[in-house]
Amino acid sequence: MEIFVTAVTIFVLSIFVGFEIITKIPPILHTPLMSGSNAISGITLIGALFAAGIENNNITKILGFASVIFATINVVGGFVVTHRMLGMFKKKDTPK
C-alpha cells in the first residue's frame, strides 16, 4: 500500500509541475520545446513498455498498455509538429 501511495503522490505532483511549466512558457517556444521533448517521451515509452511487461497483476498490464499508447501518441505528435515547424523555414520555389 505504501508503494501505491508513493506512486500516486508522484503522479499528482508531476501533473501540477507539468501544468505550471507549460503555462509559464510563451507560446512561441512551445514548438521548439515539443521537438526537444521527443527524447524524453522516448524514455517514457521505454518505461511504459517495461511497466506493461511486468506480470504482477492485470491492473499493471492495463495501466502499462495505456501508458504505451499515450507515450506513443506523444512521440508521434512531437515529430509531426517538428516536421511542420521545419517546413515553415523551407524556401518556397519561385515559378519562372
N, C-alpha and C. Protein backbone atom coordinates (compact mmCIF):
# COMPACT_ATOMS: atom_id res chain seq x y z
N MET A 1 0.82 -1.20 0.00
CA MET A 1 0.00 0.00 0.00
C MET A 1 0.86 1.26 0.00
N GLU A 2 2.02 1.19 0.67
CA GLU A 2 2.91 2.36 0.70
C GLU A 2 3.43 2.71 -0.69
N ILE A 3 3.70 1.68 -1.48
CA ILE A 3 4.19 1.92 -2.84
C ILE A 3 3.12 2.61 -3.68
N PHE A 4 1.88 2.18 -3.51
CA PHE A 4 0.77 2.79 -4.26
C PHE A 4 0.61 4.27 -3.89
N VAL A 5 0.65 4.57 -2.60
CA VAL A 5 0.51 5.95 -2.14
C VAL A 5 1.66 6.80 -2.67
N THR A 6 2.87 6.25 -2.65
CA THR A 6 4.03 6.97 -3.18
C THR A 6 3.88 7.22 -4.67
N ALA A 7 3.44 6.21 -5.41
CA ALA A 7 3.25 6.37 -6.86
C ALA A 7 2.18 7.41 -7.18
N VAL A 8 1.08 7.39 -6.47
CA VAL A 8 0.01 8.36 -6.70
C VAL A 8 0.48 9.76 -6.35
N THR A 9 1.24 9.89 -5.26
CA THR A 9 1.77 11.20 -4.87
C THR A 9 2.69 11.75 -5.94
N ILE A 10 3.58 10.93 -6.46
CA ILE A 10 4.49 11.37 -7.53
C ILE A 10 3.70 11.75 -8.78
N PHE A 11 2.68 10.97 -9.10
CA PHE A 11 1.86 11.26 -10.27
C PHE A 11 1.14 12.61 -10.14
N VAL A 12 0.54 12.86 -8.99
CA VAL A 12 -0.19 14.11 -8.78
C VAL A 12 0.78 15.29 -8.79
N LEU A 13 1.93 15.15 -8.14
CA LEU A 13 2.92 16.23 -8.16
C LEU A 13 3.42 16.50 -9.57
N SER A 14 3.61 15.45 -10.37
CA SER A 14 4.07 15.67 -11.74
C SER A 14 3.02 16.39 -12.58
N ILE A 15 1.74 16.15 -12.30
CA ILE A 15 0.68 16.88 -13.00
C ILE A 15 0.77 18.37 -12.68
N PHE A 16 0.91 18.69 -11.39
CA PHE A 16 0.99 20.10 -11.00
C PHE A 16 2.24 20.78 -11.58
N VAL A 17 3.38 20.10 -11.51
CA VAL A 17 4.62 20.68 -12.03
C VAL A 17 4.52 20.86 -13.54
N GLY A 18 4.01 19.86 -14.25
CA GLY A 18 3.85 19.97 -15.70
C GLY A 18 2.93 21.10 -16.09
N PHE A 19 1.83 21.26 -15.38
CA PHE A 19 0.90 22.35 -15.67
C PHE A 19 1.56 23.70 -15.46
N GLU A 20 2.28 23.85 -14.37
CA GLU A 20 2.96 25.12 -14.09
C GLU A 20 4.03 25.43 -15.13
N ILE A 21 4.77 24.43 -15.54
CA ILE A 21 5.81 24.66 -16.55
C ILE A 21 5.21 25.07 -17.88
N ILE A 22 4.18 24.36 -18.32
CA ILE A 22 3.57 24.66 -19.62
C ILE A 22 2.91 26.03 -19.62
N THR A 23 2.25 26.42 -18.54
CA THR A 23 1.56 27.71 -18.53
C THR A 23 2.53 28.88 -18.44
N LYS A 24 3.74 28.67 -17.99
CA LYS A 24 4.71 29.76 -17.85
C LYS A 24 5.55 29.97 -19.11
N ILE A 25 5.46 29.07 -20.08
CA ILE A 25 6.25 29.17 -21.30
C ILE A 25 5.49 29.99 -22.34
N PRO A 26 6.16 30.96 -22.98
CA PRO A 26 5.48 31.73 -24.04
C PRO A 26 5.09 30.82 -25.20
N PRO A 27 3.97 31.11 -25.86
CA PRO A 27 3.51 30.24 -26.95
C PRO A 27 4.52 30.07 -28.09
N ILE A 28 5.37 31.06 -28.31
CA ILE A 28 6.34 30.95 -29.41
C ILE A 28 7.38 29.87 -29.14
N LEU A 29 7.56 29.49 -27.90
CA LEU A 29 8.56 28.47 -27.57
C LEU A 29 7.98 27.06 -27.48
N HIS A 30 6.68 26.90 -27.62
CA HIS A 30 6.08 25.58 -27.47
C HIS A 30 6.58 24.61 -28.54
N THR A 31 6.69 25.05 -29.79
CA THR A 31 7.10 24.15 -30.87
C THR A 31 8.53 23.67 -30.71
N PRO A 32 9.51 24.54 -30.45
CA PRO A 32 10.87 24.01 -30.22
C PRO A 32 10.96 23.11 -29.00
N LEU A 33 10.20 23.42 -27.96
CA LEU A 33 10.23 22.55 -26.79
C LEU A 33 9.57 21.21 -27.08
N MET A 34 8.58 21.21 -27.95
CA MET A 34 7.94 19.95 -28.33
C MET A 34 8.93 19.04 -29.03
N SER A 35 9.73 19.61 -29.93
CA SER A 35 10.71 18.78 -30.63
C SER A 35 11.80 18.32 -29.68
N GLY A 36 12.14 19.14 -28.71
CA GLY A 36 13.16 18.73 -27.75
C GLY A 36 12.67 17.69 -26.78
N SER A 37 11.37 17.66 -26.55
CA SER A 37 10.84 16.69 -25.58
C SER A 37 10.61 15.31 -26.19
N ASN A 38 10.87 15.14 -27.47
CA ASN A 38 10.72 13.82 -28.08
C ASN A 38 11.66 12.80 -27.44
N ALA A 39 12.85 13.21 -27.06
CA ALA A 39 13.78 12.29 -26.41
C ALA A 39 13.22 11.87 -25.05
N ILE A 40 12.66 12.81 -24.32
CA ILE A 40 12.08 12.48 -23.02
C ILE A 40 10.88 11.55 -23.21
N SER A 41 10.09 11.80 -24.23
CA SER A 41 8.94 10.93 -24.48
C SER A 41 9.40 9.54 -24.89
N GLY A 42 10.51 9.45 -25.57
CA GLY A 42 11.07 8.13 -25.90
C GLY A 42 11.45 7.36 -24.66
N ILE A 43 12.03 8.05 -23.70
CA ILE A 43 12.37 7.40 -22.43
C ILE A 43 11.10 6.98 -21.70
N THR A 44 10.07 7.82 -21.75
CA THR A 44 8.79 7.48 -21.15
C THR A 44 8.20 6.24 -21.82
N LEU A 45 8.35 6.15 -23.12
CA LEU A 45 7.84 4.99 -23.85
C LEU A 45 8.56 3.72 -23.41
N ILE A 46 9.86 3.80 -23.20
CA ILE A 46 10.61 2.63 -22.73
C ILE A 46 10.12 2.22 -21.33
N GLY A 47 9.93 3.20 -20.46
CA GLY A 47 9.40 2.89 -19.13
C GLY A 47 8.00 2.30 -19.19
N ALA A 48 7.18 2.79 -20.11
CA ALA A 48 5.82 2.26 -20.25
C ALA A 48 5.86 0.81 -20.76
N LEU A 49 6.76 0.52 -21.67
CA LEU A 49 6.91 -0.86 -22.14
C LEU A 49 7.35 -1.77 -21.00
N PHE A 50 8.25 -1.28 -20.18
CA PHE A 50 8.70 -2.05 -19.03
C PHE A 50 7.54 -2.30 -18.07
N ALA A 51 6.74 -1.26 -17.81
CA ALA A 51 5.60 -1.41 -16.90
C ALA A 51 4.55 -2.36 -17.46
N ALA A 52 4.36 -2.34 -18.76
CA ALA A 52 3.38 -3.23 -19.37
C ALA A 52 3.83 -4.67 -19.34
N GLY A 53 5.14 -4.91 -19.29
CA GLY A 53 5.67 -6.27 -19.29
C GLY A 53 5.73 -6.92 -17.94
N ILE A 54 5.54 -6.15 -16.87
CA ILE A 54 5.56 -6.73 -15.53
C ILE A 54 4.31 -7.58 -15.35
N GLU A 55 4.50 -8.78 -14.84
CA GLU A 55 3.36 -9.69 -14.71
C GLU A 55 2.86 -9.79 -13.28
N ASN A 56 2.72 -8.67 -12.59
CA ASN A 56 2.22 -8.72 -11.22
C ASN A 56 0.72 -8.95 -11.18
N ASN A 57 -0.02 -8.11 -11.88
CA ASN A 57 -1.48 -8.26 -11.90
C ASN A 57 -2.03 -7.58 -13.14
N ASN A 58 -3.33 -7.70 -13.32
CA ASN A 58 -3.95 -7.17 -14.54
C ASN A 58 -3.96 -5.65 -14.58
N ILE A 59 -4.11 -5.00 -13.43
CA ILE A 59 -4.15 -3.53 -13.42
C ILE A 59 -2.82 -2.96 -13.89
N THR A 60 -1.72 -3.62 -13.55
CA THR A 60 -0.40 -3.18 -14.00
C THR A 60 -0.30 -3.30 -15.51
N LYS A 61 -0.80 -4.39 -16.05
CA LYS A 61 -0.77 -4.57 -17.50
C LYS A 61 -1.63 -3.53 -18.22
N ILE A 62 -2.81 -3.26 -17.66
CA ILE A 62 -3.73 -2.29 -18.29
C ILE A 62 -3.13 -0.89 -18.25
N LEU A 63 -2.64 -0.48 -17.08
CA LEU A 63 -2.04 0.85 -16.98
C LEU A 63 -0.76 0.95 -17.82
N GLY A 64 0.01 -0.12 -17.88
CA GLY A 64 1.21 -0.11 -18.72
C GLY A 64 0.86 0.01 -20.19
N PHE A 65 -0.18 -0.70 -20.62
CA PHE A 65 -0.61 -0.61 -22.01
C PHE A 65 -1.13 0.79 -22.34
N ALA A 66 -1.90 1.37 -21.42
CA ALA A 66 -2.39 2.74 -21.63
C ALA A 66 -1.21 3.71 -21.69
N SER A 67 -0.20 3.49 -20.86
CA SER A 67 0.99 4.35 -20.89
C SER A 67 1.72 4.23 -22.21
N VAL A 68 1.80 3.03 -22.74
CA VAL A 68 2.45 2.83 -24.05
C VAL A 68 1.69 3.61 -25.13
N ILE A 69 0.38 3.54 -25.10
CA ILE A 69 -0.43 4.25 -26.10
C ILE A 69 -0.22 5.76 -25.99
N PHE A 70 -0.32 6.30 -24.78
CA PHE A 70 -0.18 7.75 -24.61
C PHE A 70 1.23 8.23 -24.92
N ALA A 71 2.25 7.48 -24.54
CA ALA A 71 3.63 7.87 -24.85
C ALA A 71 3.88 7.82 -26.35
N THR A 72 3.31 6.83 -27.03
CA THR A 72 3.46 6.74 -28.48
C THR A 72 2.78 7.92 -29.17
N ILE A 73 1.60 8.28 -28.72
CA ILE A 73 0.91 9.46 -29.28
C ILE A 73 1.75 10.71 -29.08
N ASN A 74 2.36 10.83 -27.91
CA ASN A 74 3.19 11.99 -27.61
C ASN A 74 4.42 12.05 -28.52
N VAL A 75 5.08 10.91 -28.72
CA VAL A 75 6.27 10.88 -29.58
C VAL A 75 5.89 11.21 -31.02
N VAL A 76 4.86 10.57 -31.54
CA VAL A 76 4.45 10.81 -32.92
C VAL A 76 3.99 12.25 -33.11
N GLY A 77 3.22 12.75 -32.16
CA GLY A 77 2.78 14.14 -32.25
C GLY A 77 3.94 15.12 -32.22
N GLY A 78 4.94 14.83 -31.42
CA GLY A 78 6.12 15.69 -31.37
C GLY A 78 6.85 15.72 -32.70
N PHE A 79 6.97 14.55 -33.33
CA PHE A 79 7.65 14.53 -34.63
C PHE A 79 6.82 15.22 -35.71
N VAL A 80 5.51 15.10 -35.66
CA VAL A 80 4.65 15.78 -36.64
C VAL A 80 4.78 17.29 -36.49
N VAL A 81 4.75 17.78 -35.25
CA VAL A 81 4.88 19.21 -35.01
C VAL A 81 6.25 19.70 -35.45
N THR A 82 7.30 18.93 -35.16
CA THR A 82 8.64 19.31 -35.57
C THR A 82 8.74 19.37 -37.10
N HIS A 83 8.14 18.41 -37.77
CA HIS A 83 8.16 18.40 -39.24
C HIS A 83 7.45 19.63 -39.80
N ARG A 84 6.31 19.98 -39.22
CA ARG A 84 5.61 21.19 -39.66
C ARG A 84 6.43 22.45 -39.40
N MET A 85 7.09 22.48 -38.24
CA MET A 85 7.90 23.65 -37.90
C MET A 85 9.06 23.79 -38.88
N LEU A 86 9.72 22.70 -39.20
CA LEU A 86 10.83 22.78 -40.14
C LEU A 86 10.35 23.12 -41.54
N GLY A 87 9.14 22.71 -41.89
CA GLY A 87 8.57 23.07 -43.19
C GLY A 87 8.31 24.55 -43.32
N MET A 88 8.09 25.23 -42.23
CA MET A 88 7.86 26.68 -42.27
C MET A 88 9.13 27.44 -42.63
N PHE A 89 10.29 26.83 -42.41
CA PHE A 89 11.54 27.52 -42.67
C PHE A 89 12.14 27.17 -44.03
N LYS A 90 11.49 26.29 -44.79
CA LYS A 90 11.99 25.95 -46.12
C LYS A 90 11.69 27.08 -47.10
N LYS A 91 12.59 27.26 -48.06
CA LYS A 91 12.34 28.26 -49.09
C LYS A 91 11.28 27.75 -50.05
N LYS A 92 10.43 28.66 -50.44
CA LYS A 92 9.40 28.32 -51.42
C LYS A 92 10.02 28.42 -52.81
N ASP A 93 9.66 27.47 -53.67
CA ASP A 93 10.14 27.52 -55.05
C ASP A 93 9.39 28.62 -55.78
N THR A 94 10.15 29.49 -56.43
CA THR A 94 9.54 30.58 -57.18
C THR A 94 9.35 30.13 -58.62
N PRO A 95 8.15 30.31 -59.16
CA PRO A 95 7.93 29.93 -60.58
C PRO A 95 8.69 30.86 -61.53
N LYS A 96 9.20 30.28 -62.60
CA LYS A 96 9.97 31.06 -63.57
C LYS A 96 9.11 31.58 -64.68
